[in-house]
Protein backbone atom coordinates (compact mmCIF):
# COMPACT_ATOMS: atom_id res chain seq x y z
CA UNK A 1 35.01 12.43 -29.99
CA UNK A 2 34.75 13.79 -26.13
CA UNK A 3 33.70 11.07 -23.35
CA UNK A 4 29.89 11.97 -22.92
CA UNK A 5 30.29 10.07 -19.29
CA UNK A 6 33.64 12.18 -18.13
CA UNK A 7 33.73 13.89 -14.73
CA UNK A 8 30.74 11.29 -13.54
CA UNK A 9 31.44 8.87 -10.89
CA UNK A 10 30.01 5.19 -10.17
CA UNK A 11 26.80 6.48 -8.40
CA UNK A 12 26.35 8.57 -11.63
CA UNK A 13 26.24 5.75 -13.77
CA UNK A 14 24.55 3.50 -11.69
CA UNK A 15 22.03 6.02 -11.26
CA UNK A 16 21.51 6.44 -14.78
CA UNK A 17 21.13 2.98 -15.20
CA UNK A 18 18.65 2.07 -12.62
CA UNK A 19 16.60 4.52 -13.28
CA UNK A 20 16.01 3.47 -17.26
CA UNK A 21 15.79 -0.23 -16.43
CA UNK A 22 12.42 -1.92 -16.06
CA UNK A 23 11.66 -2.47 -12.23
CA UNK A 24 9.76 -5.98 -11.09
CA UNK A 25 7.92 -5.20 -7.56
CA UNK A 26 8.19 -9.01 -6.78
CA UNK A 27 11.74 -8.44 -7.28
CA UNK A 28 11.74 -5.81 -5.20
CA UNK A 29 9.86 -7.06 -2.61
CA UNK A 30 12.13 -9.86 -2.32
CA UNK A 31 14.89 -7.32 -2.05
CA UNK A 32 13.47 -5.37 0.63
CA UNK A 33 13.51 -8.87 2.93
CA UNK A 34 16.71 -7.16 3.77
CA UNK A 35 15.84 -4.07 4.44
CA UNK A 36 12.87 -4.26 6.42
CA UNK A 37 15.29 -5.60 9.08
CA UNK A 38 16.20 -1.67 9.97
CA UNK A 39 13.12 0.13 8.16
CA UNK A 40 10.50 -2.01 8.97
CA UNK A 41 8.52 -4.63 6.73
CA UNK A 42 5.77 -1.35 6.71
CA UNK A 43 9.20 1.40 5.58
CA UNK A 44 7.84 3.14 8.47
CA UNK A 45 11.49 3.62 9.88
CA UNK A 46 11.47 3.97 14.28
CA UNK A 47 9.14 7.50 15.64
CA UNK A 48 12.60 7.49 17.28
CA UNK A 49 14.50 8.50 14.51
CA UNK A 50 16.92 5.78 14.24
CA UNK A 51 15.43 4.85 10.82
CA UNK A 52 13.70 6.88 9.17
CA UNK A 53 10.33 6.28 7.18
CA UNK A 54 11.19 5.64 3.73
CA UNK A 55 7.83 3.87 2.55
CA UNK A 56 6.08 6.23 -0.14
CA UNK A 57 9.83 7.33 -1.03
CA UNK A 58 10.57 8.84 -4.34
CA UNK A 59 12.39 5.87 -6.80
CA UNK A 60 14.51 8.78 -7.88
CA UNK A 61 15.30 9.58 -4.54
CA UNK A 62 15.77 5.63 -3.40
CA UNK A 63 18.11 5.09 -6.77
CA UNK A 64 19.90 7.96 -5.97
CA UNK A 65 20.28 7.65 -2.26
CA UNK A 66 21.67 3.41 -2.26
CA UNK A 67 24.21 4.64 -5.73
CA UNK A 68 25.83 7.02 -3.49
CA UNK A 69 25.94 4.45 -0.51
CA UNK A 70 27.27 1.68 -2.27
CA UNK A 71 29.72 4.44 -3.84
CA UNK A 72 30.85 5.87 -0.98
CA UNK A 73 29.67 9.23 -1.43
CA UNK A 74 27.48 9.30 1.05
CA UNK A 75 28.76 7.70 4.53
CA UNK A 76 26.54 5.29 5.96
CA UNK A 77 28.61 2.70 7.80
CA UNK A 78 25.48 1.26 9.23
CA UNK A 79 23.81 0.50 6.06
CA UNK A 80 26.73 -0.17 3.50
CA UNK A 81 27.07 -3.29 4.33
CA UNK A 82 23.77 -4.50 3.34
CA UNK A 83 23.32 -2.02 -0.02
CA UNK A 84 26.44 -3.46 -1.14
CA UNK A 85 25.57 -5.43 -4.71
CA UNK A 86 26.65 -8.74 -3.16
CA UNK A 87 24.17 -8.58 -0.82
CA UNK A 88 21.39 -7.80 -3.21
CA UNK A 89 22.16 -7.17 -6.54
CA UNK A 90 23.41 -4.75 -9.07
CA UNK A 91 21.43 -1.72 -10.63
CA UNK A 92 18.26 -4.01 -11.54
CA UNK A 93 18.42 -4.76 -7.80
CA UNK A 94 18.23 -0.91 -6.72
CA UNK A 95 15.61 -0.11 -9.74
CA UNK A 96 13.34 -3.29 -7.85
CA UNK A 97 13.32 -2.39 -4.07
CA UNK A 98 12.90 1.33 -5.20
CA UNK A 99 9.76 0.79 -7.07
CA UNK A 100 9.04 -1.39 -4.10
CA UNK A 101 9.79 1.17 -1.69
CA UNK A 102 7.77 3.84 -3.98
CA UNK A 103 4.61 1.61 -3.24
CA UNK A 104 4.54 1.78 0.43
CA UNK A 105 1.80 3.39 2.43
CA UNK A 106 3.37 6.21 4.54
CA UNK A 107 2.60 6.33 8.30
CA UNK A 108 0.98 9.48 9.87
CA UNK A 109 1.90 8.93 13.27
CA UNK A 110 5.29 9.77 12.69
CA UNK A 111 7.71 10.98 15.69
CA UNK A 112 7.42 14.58 16.60
CA UNK A 113 9.30 17.47 18.06
CA UNK A 114 7.90 19.77 21.51
CA UNK A 115 5.51 21.52 19.14
CA UNK A 116 6.48 24.96 21.00
CA UNK A 117 8.07 26.62 17.79
CA UNK A 118 5.74 25.29 14.45
CA UNK A 119 5.25 29.27 13.70
CA UNK A 120 9.03 29.84 13.14
CA UNK A 121 9.02 26.26 12.00
CA UNK A 122 6.28 27.07 8.88
CA UNK A 123 7.98 30.62 8.26
CA UNK A 124 11.59 28.80 7.28
CA UNK A 125 9.76 26.13 5.27
CA UNK A 126 7.73 28.95 3.06
CA UNK A 127 11.16 30.87 2.79
CA UNK A 128 13.72 28.34 2.31
CA UNK A 129 11.88 25.20 1.62
CA UNK A 130 8.98 25.11 -0.75
CA UNK A 131 10.98 25.30 -3.95
CA UNK A 132 12.74 22.64 -4.02
CA UNK A 133 10.06 20.22 -1.59
CA UNK A 134 7.17 21.55 -2.46
CA UNK A 135 4.10 22.81 -0.12
CA UNK A 136 3.34 19.87 0.85
CA UNK A 137 6.60 18.96 1.62
CA UNK A 138 5.90 15.81 -1.23
CA UNK A 139 9.37 16.92 -2.84
CA UNK A 140 10.32 15.95 -6.63
CA UNK A 141 10.56 12.97 -8.93
CA UNK A 142 12.63 14.66 -11.88
CA UNK A 143 15.03 16.04 -10.24
CA UNK A 144 15.38 13.64 -7.42
CA UNK A 145 14.31 15.97 -4.34
CA UNK A 146 12.97 14.19 -1.52
CA UNK A 147 9.32 13.65 0.05
CA UNK A 148 9.58 15.17 3.65
CA UNK A 149 6.00 14.85 4.85
CA UNK A 150 5.91 12.17 7.02
CA UNK A 151 9.31 11.94 8.26
CA UNK A 152 10.02 11.25 12.28
CA UNK A 153 11.57 14.51 13.56
CA UNK A 154 14.97 13.65 15.11
CA UNK A 155 15.78 12.12 12.11
CA UNK A 156 14.97 15.59 9.75
CA UNK A 157 17.28 17.09 13.06
CA UNK A 158 20.08 15.00 12.42
CA UNK A 159 19.94 15.25 8.56
CA UNK A 160 19.95 18.88 9.14
CA UNK A 161 23.03 18.78 11.22
CA UNK A 162 24.58 16.75 9.39
CA UNK A 163 24.47 18.32 6.16
CA UNK A 164 25.65 21.46 7.49
CA UNK A 165 29.00 20.71 9.54
CA UNK A 166 29.32 18.52 6.05
CA UNK A 167 29.03 14.87 7.49
CA UNK A 168 26.49 13.76 4.75
CA UNK A 169 28.47 14.58 1.57
CA UNK A 170 26.52 13.82 -1.26
CA UNK A 171 23.44 17.24 0.00
CA UNK A 172 22.78 19.44 -2.83
CA UNK A 173 25.04 21.88 -2.73
CA UNK A 174 22.06 24.10 -2.99
CA UNK A 175 20.67 23.22 0.25
CA UNK A 176 23.93 23.23 1.90
CA UNK A 177 23.94 27.26 0.96
CA UNK A 178 20.54 27.75 2.29
CA UNK A 179 21.07 26.02 5.44
CA UNK A 180 24.18 27.15 6.69
CA UNK A 181 23.15 30.07 8.65
CA UNK A 182 20.88 28.02 10.63
CA UNK A 183 21.11 27.71 14.14
CA UNK A 184 19.39 25.39 16.79
CA UNK A 185 16.61 26.86 16.67
CA UNK A 186 16.00 26.71 13.31
CA UNK A 187 17.11 23.39 12.76
CA UNK A 188 14.66 22.62 15.68
CA UNK A 189 11.61 23.89 14.39
CA UNK A 190 11.67 23.37 10.74
CA UNK A 191 12.17 19.60 12.43
CA UNK A 192 9.00 19.35 13.95
CA UNK A 193 7.19 21.33 11.62
CA UNK A 194 8.10 19.16 8.30
CA UNK A 195 7.32 16.20 11.08
CA UNK A 196 3.83 17.32 11.38
CA UNK A 197 2.96 17.49 7.27
CA UNK A 198 0.78 14.93 6.28
CA UNK A 199 2.07 12.73 3.62
CA UNK A 200 -0.18 13.27 -0.02
CA UNK A 201 -3.23 11.75 0.39
CA UNK A 202 -2.17 8.51 -1.94
CA UNK A 203 0.69 7.97 -0.53
CA UNK A 204 -0.57 7.92 2.96
CA UNK A 205 -1.96 4.29 5.13
CA UNK A 206 -4.88 4.46 7.03
CA UNK A 207 -2.73 2.05 9.23
CA UNK A 208 -1.17 2.19 12.77
CA UNK A 209 1.48 0.70 14.80
CA UNK A 210 -0.94 -1.44 16.21
CA UNK A 211 -1.39 -2.91 12.64
CA UNK A 212 2.44 -3.35 11.91
CA UNK A 213 2.82 -6.48 9.95
CA UNK A 214 -0.22 -6.52 8.11
CA UNK A 215 1.43 -5.49 4.29
CA UNK A 216 -0.98 -3.31 2.10
CA UNK A 217 -1.09 -4.29 -1.29
């Protein structure tokens, strides 16, 4: 009888296991203390784009990225030591922390570009990105397409460049094809446009950076 899991790697197996577990909010919050050192207690990351906003991100996306980093399918040397099972736990820990992250409200005070080429960015987004990431940048839970609204400009720009040059090895192959001919202007314009997209209302926080440290329930 053929193996139904043939061709799958450790990341695939861990992702599927985590997605099928019942997540626990309290345990996820405890695990998140490790993540908060870089991503901030609110999950807002940093406006300079050194760390992305992960608050409100789909649970499916967080699980996939954590599993890929742990399996070394995605190179992230600064995050890897904090994501491994020895540090945060196994598949249940991934399920728990992803659930907690998804519950966090997103800030609208994202790092942005200079605003000089937004029309071009909008045109590119509507032509190339809307099918997978949605009209509001809300992504798609079922396919683990990330929500990109409310993301910092410099982080978006860096990831697009890494996807094109192959540094982000776990990228969606269809996206790699879509942006293979993009130039510097295109990357900057689309990143600036997306960074200004407001998170959908149910995922949006009314708090500001001045309110940091005040957790929303």
